[in-house]
Amino acid sequence: MREKDLPQIFWRRYFPLVFKEDIYSQAKVFNVDPFMATSVIRQERMFDRNSMSVVGARGLMQIMPHTGERFYQIEKDKPEFQPNILFDPMINIRIGTKYLKELNSQYNGNWVKILSCYNAGPEAVANWEARFPGIKDPDEFVERIPFPETRNFVKQVLRNRGVYRALYEENLAT
């Protein structure tokens, strides 16, 4: 082992690529940055596929049942939607990346607003946009988010994405 590899080995322990094939395949299908999807999963529940929040969000990407039902596609030989199906990693990742794609289209690639909406919901972001109409700078928008949980979520996911990109960008296709 070379000494220069030690920092990457250290950081990869804290920023693993868990569920890599599922994340990358769905990110490709929905044209979503796989590092962003991975970063959301890491931040939501640290890759715990069985997690459930106090408000009922489920699985890796912490999908609310009403969001899951909206984005779930019933196909031949596939069960009807039930909230607990969101604990299935592939289904959860598919729904989460599909939702990120919709938000990306809605907010024209503005990841601060995409992540704010993902965490706090579309009504909250619409209220903040109305409350702060002149703010164009994404960093200023983040600092004005009145929900500390959402403000921290946005900052941490964006940080995670930077770390994942630095660690794994050259391995993206593998």
C-alpha atoms as a PDB file:
ATOM      1  CA  MET A   1       0.000   0.000   0.000  1.00  0.00           C
ATOM      2  CA  ARG A   2       1.309   3.405  -0.959  1.00  0.00           C
ATOM      3  CA  GLU A   3       1.276   6.228   1.558  1.00  0.00           C
ATOM      4  CA  LYS A   4      -0.603   8.513  -0.820  1.00  0.00           C
ATOM      5  CA  ASP A   5      -3.501   5.978  -0.886  1.00  0.00           C
ATOM      6  CA  LEU A   6      -4.093   6.191   2.881  1.00  0.00           C
ATOM      7  CA  PRO A   7      -6.313   9.306   2.864  1.00  0.00           C
ATOM      8  CA  GLN A   8      -8.598   7.775   0.222  1.00  0.00           C
ATOM      9  CA  ILE A   9      -8.827   4.510   2.142  1.00  0.00           C
ATOM     10  CA  PHE A  10      -9.735   6.470   5.274  1.00  0.00           C
ATOM     11  CA  TRP A  11     -12.391   8.578   3.516  1.00  0.00           C
ATOM     12  CA  ARG A  12     -13.885   5.624   1.633  1.00  0.00           C
ATOM     13  CA  ARG A  13     -14.663   4.003   4.974  1.00  0.00           C
ATOM     14  CA  TYR A  14     -16.927   6.957   5.811  1.00  0.00           C
ATOM     15  CA  PHE A  15     -18.255   7.459   2.289  1.00  0.00           C
ATOM     16  CA  PRO A  16     -18.847   3.937   0.966  1.00  0.00           C
ATOM     17  CA  LEU A  17     -20.482   3.029  -2.323  1.00  0.00           C
ATOM     18  CA  VAL A  18     -23.213   0.773  -0.997  1.00  0.00           C
ATOM     19  CA  PHE A  19     -25.904  -0.365  -3.472  1.00  0.00           C
ATOM     20  CA  LYS A  20     -23.655   1.022  -6.214  1.00  0.00           C
ATOM     21  CA  GLU A  21     -25.116  -0.998  -9.111  1.00  0.00           C
ATOM     22  CA  ASP A  22     -28.715  -0.131  -8.222  1.00  0.00           C
ATOM     23  CA  ILE A  23     -27.944   3.544  -7.695  1.00  0.00           C
ATOM     24  CA  TYR A  24     -25.928   3.884 -10.887  1.00  0.00           C
ATOM     25  CA  SER A  25     -28.427   1.990 -13.044  1.00  0.00           C
ATOM     26  CA  GLN A  26     -31.375   4.071 -11.825  1.00  0.00           C
ATOM     27  CA  ALA A  27     -29.404   7.307 -12.022  1.00  0.00           C
ATOM     28  CA  LYS A  28     -28.667   6.503 -15.645  1.00  0.00           C
ATOM     29  CA  VAL A  29     -32.306   5.645 -16.415  1.00  0.00           C
ATOM     30  CA  PHE A  30     -33.550   8.916 -14.918  1.00  0.00           C
ATOM     31  CA  ASN A  31     -30.560  11.075 -15.886  1.00  0.00           C
ATOM     32  CA  VAL A  32     -29.724  11.956 -12.280  1.00  0.00           C
ATOM     33  CA  ASP A  33     -26.218  12.496 -10.950  1.00  0.00           C
ATOM     34  CA  PRO A  34     -25.367   9.164  -9.250  1.00  0.00           C
ATOM     35  CA  PHE A  35     -23.180  10.977  -6.716  1.00  0.00           C
ATOM     36  CA  MET A  36     -26.159  13.129  -5.723  1.00  0.00           C
ATOM     37  CA  ALA A  37     -28.418  10.099  -5.332  1.00  0.00           C
ATOM     38  CA  THR A  38     -25.724   8.341  -3.281  1.00  0.00           C
ATOM     39  CA  SER A  39     -25.279  11.472  -1.173  1.00  0.00           C
ATOM     40  CA  VAL A  40     -28.993  11.661  -0.418  1.00  0.00           C
ATOM     41  CA  ILE A  41     -29.011   8.000   0.630  1.00  0.00           C
ATOM     42  CA  ARG A  42     -25.978   8.479   2.851  1.00  0.00           C
ATOM     43  CA  GLN A  43     -27.473  11.531   4.510  1.00  0.00           C
ATOM     44  CA  GLU A  44     -30.960  10.162   4.964  1.00  0.00           C
ATOM     45  CA  ARG A  45     -30.150   6.988   6.897  1.00  0.00           C
ATOM     46  CA  MET A  46     -26.567   5.938   6.236  1.00  0.00           C
ATOM     47  CA  PHE A  47     -27.583   3.145   3.840  1.00  0.00           C
ATOM     48  CA  ASP A  48     -30.031   1.509   6.274  1.00  0.00           C
ATOM     49  CA  ARG A  49     -32.624  -0.077   3.989  1.00  0.00           C
ATOM     50  CA  ASN A  50     -34.964  -0.835   6.908  1.00  0.00           C
ATOM     51  CA  SER A  51     -35.123   2.616   8.446  1.00  0.00           C
ATOM     52  CA  MET A  52     -38.371   4.449   9.058  1.00  0.00           C
ATOM     53  CA  SER A  53     -38.674   8.030  10.257  1.00  0.00           C
ATOM     54  CA  VAL A  54     -41.111   9.224  12.896  1.00  0.00           C
ATOM     55  CA  VAL A  55     -43.293  10.690  10.115  1.00  0.00           C
ATOM     56  CA  GLY A  56     -43.328   7.408   8.177  1.00  0.00           C
ATOM     57  CA  ALA A  57     -40.664   7.909   5.494  1.00  0.00           C
ATOM     58  CA  ARG A  58     -39.204   4.526   4.576  1.00  0.00           C
ATOM     59  CA  GLY A  59     -36.054   2.916   3.295  1.00  0.00           C
ATOM     60  CA  LEU A  60     -32.774   4.115   1.862  1.00  0.00           C
ATOM     61  CA  MET A  61     -34.006   7.383   0.379  1.00  0.00           C
ATOM     62  CA  GLN A  62     -36.660   7.942   3.059  1.00  0.00           C
ATOM     63  CA  ILE A  63     -39.620   7.955   0.710  1.00  0.00           C
ATOM     64  CA  MET A  64     -42.999   8.948   2.117  1.00  0.00           C
ATOM     65  CA  PRO A  65     -45.742   6.439   1.229  1.00  0.00           C
ATOM     66  CA  HIS A  66     -47.763   9.003  -0.780  1.00  0.00           C
ATOM     67  CA  THR A  67     -44.654   9.867  -2.824  1.00  0.00           C
ATOM     68  CA  GLY A  68     -43.873   6.197  -3.259  1.00  0.00           C
ATOM     69  CA  GLU A  69     -47.359   5.438  -4.496  1.00  0.00           C
ATOM     70  CA  ARG A  70     -47.209   8.364  -6.922  1.00  0.00           C
ATOM     71  CA  PHE A  71     -43.973   7.167  -8.533  1.00  0.00           C
ATOM     72  CA  TYR A  72     -44.458   3.416  -8.255  1.00  0.00           C
ATOM     73  CA  GLN A  73     -45.082   1.757 -11.600  1.00  0.00           C
ATOM     74  CA  ILE A  74     -47.231  -1.299 -11.577  1.00  0.00           C
ATOM     75  CA  GLU A  75     -45.864  -3.809 -14.034  1.00  0.00           C
ATOM     76  CA  LYS A  76     -46.673  -7.369 -14.932  1.00  0.00           C
ATOM     77  CA  ASP A  77     -45.567  -9.770 -12.181  1.00  0.00           C
ATOM     78  CA  LYS A  78     -45.054  -6.869  -9.764  1.00  0.00           C
ATOM     79  CA  PRO A  79     -47.098  -6.462  -6.577  1.00  0.00           C
ATOM     80  CA  GLU A  80     -49.540  -3.619  -5.972  1.00  0.00           C
ATOM     81  CA  PHE A  81     -48.094  -0.704  -4.047  1.00  0.00           C
ATOM     82  CA  GLN A  82     -47.964  -1.151  -0.297  1.00  0.00           C
ATOM     83  CA  PRO A  83     -45.969   1.271   1.898  1.00  0.00           C
ATOM     84  CA  ASN A  84     -43.614  -1.455   3.137  1.00  0.00           C
ATOM     85  CA  ILE A  85     -42.480  -2.152  -0.424  1.00  0.00           C
ATOM     86  CA  LEU A  86     -40.364   0.986   0.080  1.00  0.00           C
ATOM     87  CA  PHE A  87     -37.992  -1.109   2.199  1.00  0.00           C
ATOM     88  CA  ASP A  88     -36.897  -2.918  -0.970  1.00  0.00           C
ATOM     89  CA  PRO A  89     -33.640  -1.150  -1.933  1.00  0.00           C
ATOM     90  CA  MET A  90     -34.135  -1.322  -5.702  1.00  0.00           C
ATOM     91  CA  ILE A  91     -37.711  -0.036  -5.559  1.00  0.00           C
ATOM     92  CA  ASN A  92     -36.747   2.688  -3.100  1.00  0.00           C
ATOM     93  CA  ILE A  93     -33.805   3.822  -5.231  1.00  0.00           C
ATOM     94  CA  ARG A  94     -35.939   3.752  -8.397  1.00  0.00           C
ATOM     95  CA  ILE A  95     -38.649   5.894  -6.799  1.00  0.00           C
ATOM     96  CA  GLY A  96     -36.157   8.244  -5.143  1.00  0.00           C
ATOM     97  CA  THR A  97     -34.159   8.882  -8.314  1.00  0.00           C
ATOM     98  CA  LYS A  98     -37.361   9.321 -10.317  1.00  0.00           C
ATOM     99  CA  TYR A  99     -38.490  11.909  -7.766  1.00  0.00           C
ATOM    100  CA  LEU A 100     -35.101  13.657  -7.966  1.00  0.00           C
ATOM    101  CA  LYS A 101     -35.501  13.781 -11.752  1.00  0.00           C
ATOM    102  CA  GLU A 102     -38.914  15.435 -11.428  1.00  0.00           C
ATOM    103  CA  LEU A 103     -37.563  17.967  -8.943  1.00  0.00           C
ATOM    104  CA  ASN A 104     -34.555  18.608 -11.177  1.00  0.00           C
ATOM    105  CA  SER A 105     -36.905  19.421 -14.068  1.00  0.00           C
ATOM    106  CA  GLN A 106     -39.025  21.642 -11.847  1.00  0.00           C
ATOM    107  CA  TYR A 107     -36.087  23.592 -10.390  1.00  0.00           C
ATOM    108  CA  ASN A 108     -33.862  23.661 -13.502  1.00  0.00           C
ATOM    109  CA  GLY A 109     -30.894  21.955 -11.853  1.00  0.00           C
ATOM    110  CA  ASN A 110     -30.901  24.187  -8.744  1.00  0.00           C
ATOM    111  CA  TRP A 111     -29.786  21.534  -6.274  1.00  0.00           C
ATOM    112  CA  VAL A 112     -30.340  23.775  -3.263  1.00  0.00           C
ATOM    113  CA  LYS A 113     -34.042  23.971  -4.076  1.00  0.00           C
ATOM    114  CA  ILE A 114     -34.230  20.356  -5.255  1.00  0.00           C
ATOM    115  CA  LEU A 115     -32.792  19.101  -1.968  1.00  0.00           C
ATOM    116  CA  SER A 116     -34.875  21.548   0.067  1.00  0.00           C
ATOM    117  CA  CYS A 117     -37.999  20.243  -1.627  1.00  0.00           C
ATOM    118  CA  TYR A 118     -36.882  16.637  -1.193  1.00  0.00           C
ATOM    119  CA  ASN A 119     -36.466  17.190   2.544  1.00  0.00           C
ATOM    120  CA  ALA A 120     -39.160  19.703   3.477  1.00  0.00           C
ATOM    121  CA  GLY A 121     -41.698  19.254   0.682  1.00  0.00           C
ATOM    122  CA  PRO A 122     -42.866  21.370  -2.223  1.00  0.00           C
ATOM    123  CA  GLU A 123     -45.177  23.577  -0.139  1.00  0.00           C
ATOM    124  CA  ALA A 124     -42.348  24.672   2.139  1.00  0.00           C
ATOM    125  CA  VAL A 125     -40.060  25.562  -0.776  1.00  0.00           C
ATOM    126  CA  ALA A 126     -42.869  27.472  -2.518  1.00  0.00           C
ATOM    127  CA  ASN A 127     -43.416  29.434   0.697  1.00  0.00           C
ATOM    128  CA  TRP A 128     -39.699  30.235   0.982  1.00  0.00           C
ATOM    129  CA  GLU A 129     -39.523  31.316  -2.646  1.00  0.00           C
ATOM    130  CA  ALA A 130     -42.441  33.700  -2.015  1.00  0.00           C
ATOM    131  CA  ARG A 131     -40.871  34.898   1.225  1.00  0.00           C
ATOM    132  CA  PHE A 132     -37.446  35.551  -0.354  1.00  0.00           C
ATOM    133  CA  PRO A 133     -38.314  36.505  -3.954  1.00  0.00           C
ATOM    134  CA  GLY A 134     -35.146  38.448  -4.788  1.00  0.00           C
ATOM    135  CA  ILE A 135     -32.643  35.808  -3.703  1.00  0.00           C
ATOM    136  CA  LYS A 136     -30.757  34.372  -6.659  1.00  0.00           C
ATOM    137  CA  ASP A 137     -27.644  33.174  -4.828  1.00  0.00           C
ATOM    138  CA  PRO A 138     -28.073  29.515  -3.783  1.00  0.00           C
ATOM    139  CA  ASP A 139     -25.850  29.940  -0.717  1.00  0.00           C
ATOM    140  CA  GLU A 140     -27.959  32.829   0.528  1.00  0.00           C
ATOM    141  CA  PHE A 141     -31.126  30.805  -0.057  1.00  0.00           C
ATOM    142  CA  VAL A 142     -29.689  27.947   2.025  1.00  0.00           C
ATOM    143  CA  GLU A 143     -28.856  30.276   4.896  1.00  0.00           C
ATOM    144  CA  ARG A 144     -32.407  31.645   4.909  1.00  0.00           C
ATOM    145  CA  ILE A 145     -34.105  28.254   5.103  1.00  0.00           C
ATOM    146  CA  PRO A 146     -36.054  28.530   8.361  1.00  0.00           C
ATOM    147  CA  PHE A 147     -35.997  24.783   9.097  1.00  0.00           C
ATOM    148  CA  PRO A 148     -32.621  23.888  10.659  1.00  0.00           C
ATOM    149  CA  GLU A 149     -33.063  20.226   9.671  1.00  0.00           C
ATOM    150  CA  THR A 150     -33.570  21.141   6.004  1.00  0.00           C
ATOM    151  CA  ARG A 151     -30.773  23.718   5.996  1.00  0.00           C
ATOM    152  CA  ASN A 152     -28.362  21.137   7.411  1.00  0.00           C
ATOM    153  CA  PHE A 153     -29.643  18.418   5.077  1.00  0.00           C
ATOM    154  CA  VAL A 154     -28.972  20.566   2.003  1.00  0.00           C
ATOM    155  CA  LYS A 155     -25.486  21.520   3.181  1.00  0.00           C
ATOM    156  CA  GLN A 156     -24.561  17.963   4.113  1.00  0.00           C
ATOM    157  CA  VAL A 157     -25.842  16.381   0.906  1.00  0.00           C
ATOM    158  CA  LEU A 158     -23.920  18.925  -1.164  1.00  0.00           C
ATOM    159  CA  ARG A 159     -20.814  18.214   0.916  1.00  0.00           C
ATOM    160  CA  ASN A 160     -21.342  14.469   0.516  1.00  0.00           C
ATOM    161  CA  ARG A 161     -21.583  14.863  -3.245  1.00  0.00           C
ATOM    162  CA  GLY A 162     -18.257  16.695  -3.344  1.00  0.00           C
ATOM    163  CA  VAL A 163     -16.582  13.973  -1.308  1.00  0.00           C
ATOM    164  CA  TYR A 164     -18.096  11.153  -3.380  1.00  0.00           C
ATOM    165  CA  ARG A 165     -17.058  12.843  -6.593  1.00  0.00           C
ATOM    166  CA  ALA A 166     -13.501  13.335  -5.356  1.00  0.00           C
ATOM    167  CA  LEU A 167     -13.231   9.737  -4.176  1.00  0.00           C
ATOM    168  CA  TYR A 168     -14.981   7.849  -6.956  1.00  0.00           C
ATOM    169  CA  GLU A 169     -15.288   9.916 -10.125  1.00  0.00           C
ATOM    170  CA  GLU A 170     -12.736   7.869 -12.007  1.00  0.00           C
ATOM    171  CA  ASN A 171     -14.621   4.664 -11.041  1.00  0.00           C
ATOM    172  CA  LEU A 172     -17.999   5.937 -12.193  1.00  0.00           C
ATOM    173  CA  ALA A 173     -18.349   3.508 -15.060  1.00  0.00           C
ATOM    174  CA  THR A 174     -17.120   0.458 -13.146  1.00  0.00           C
END
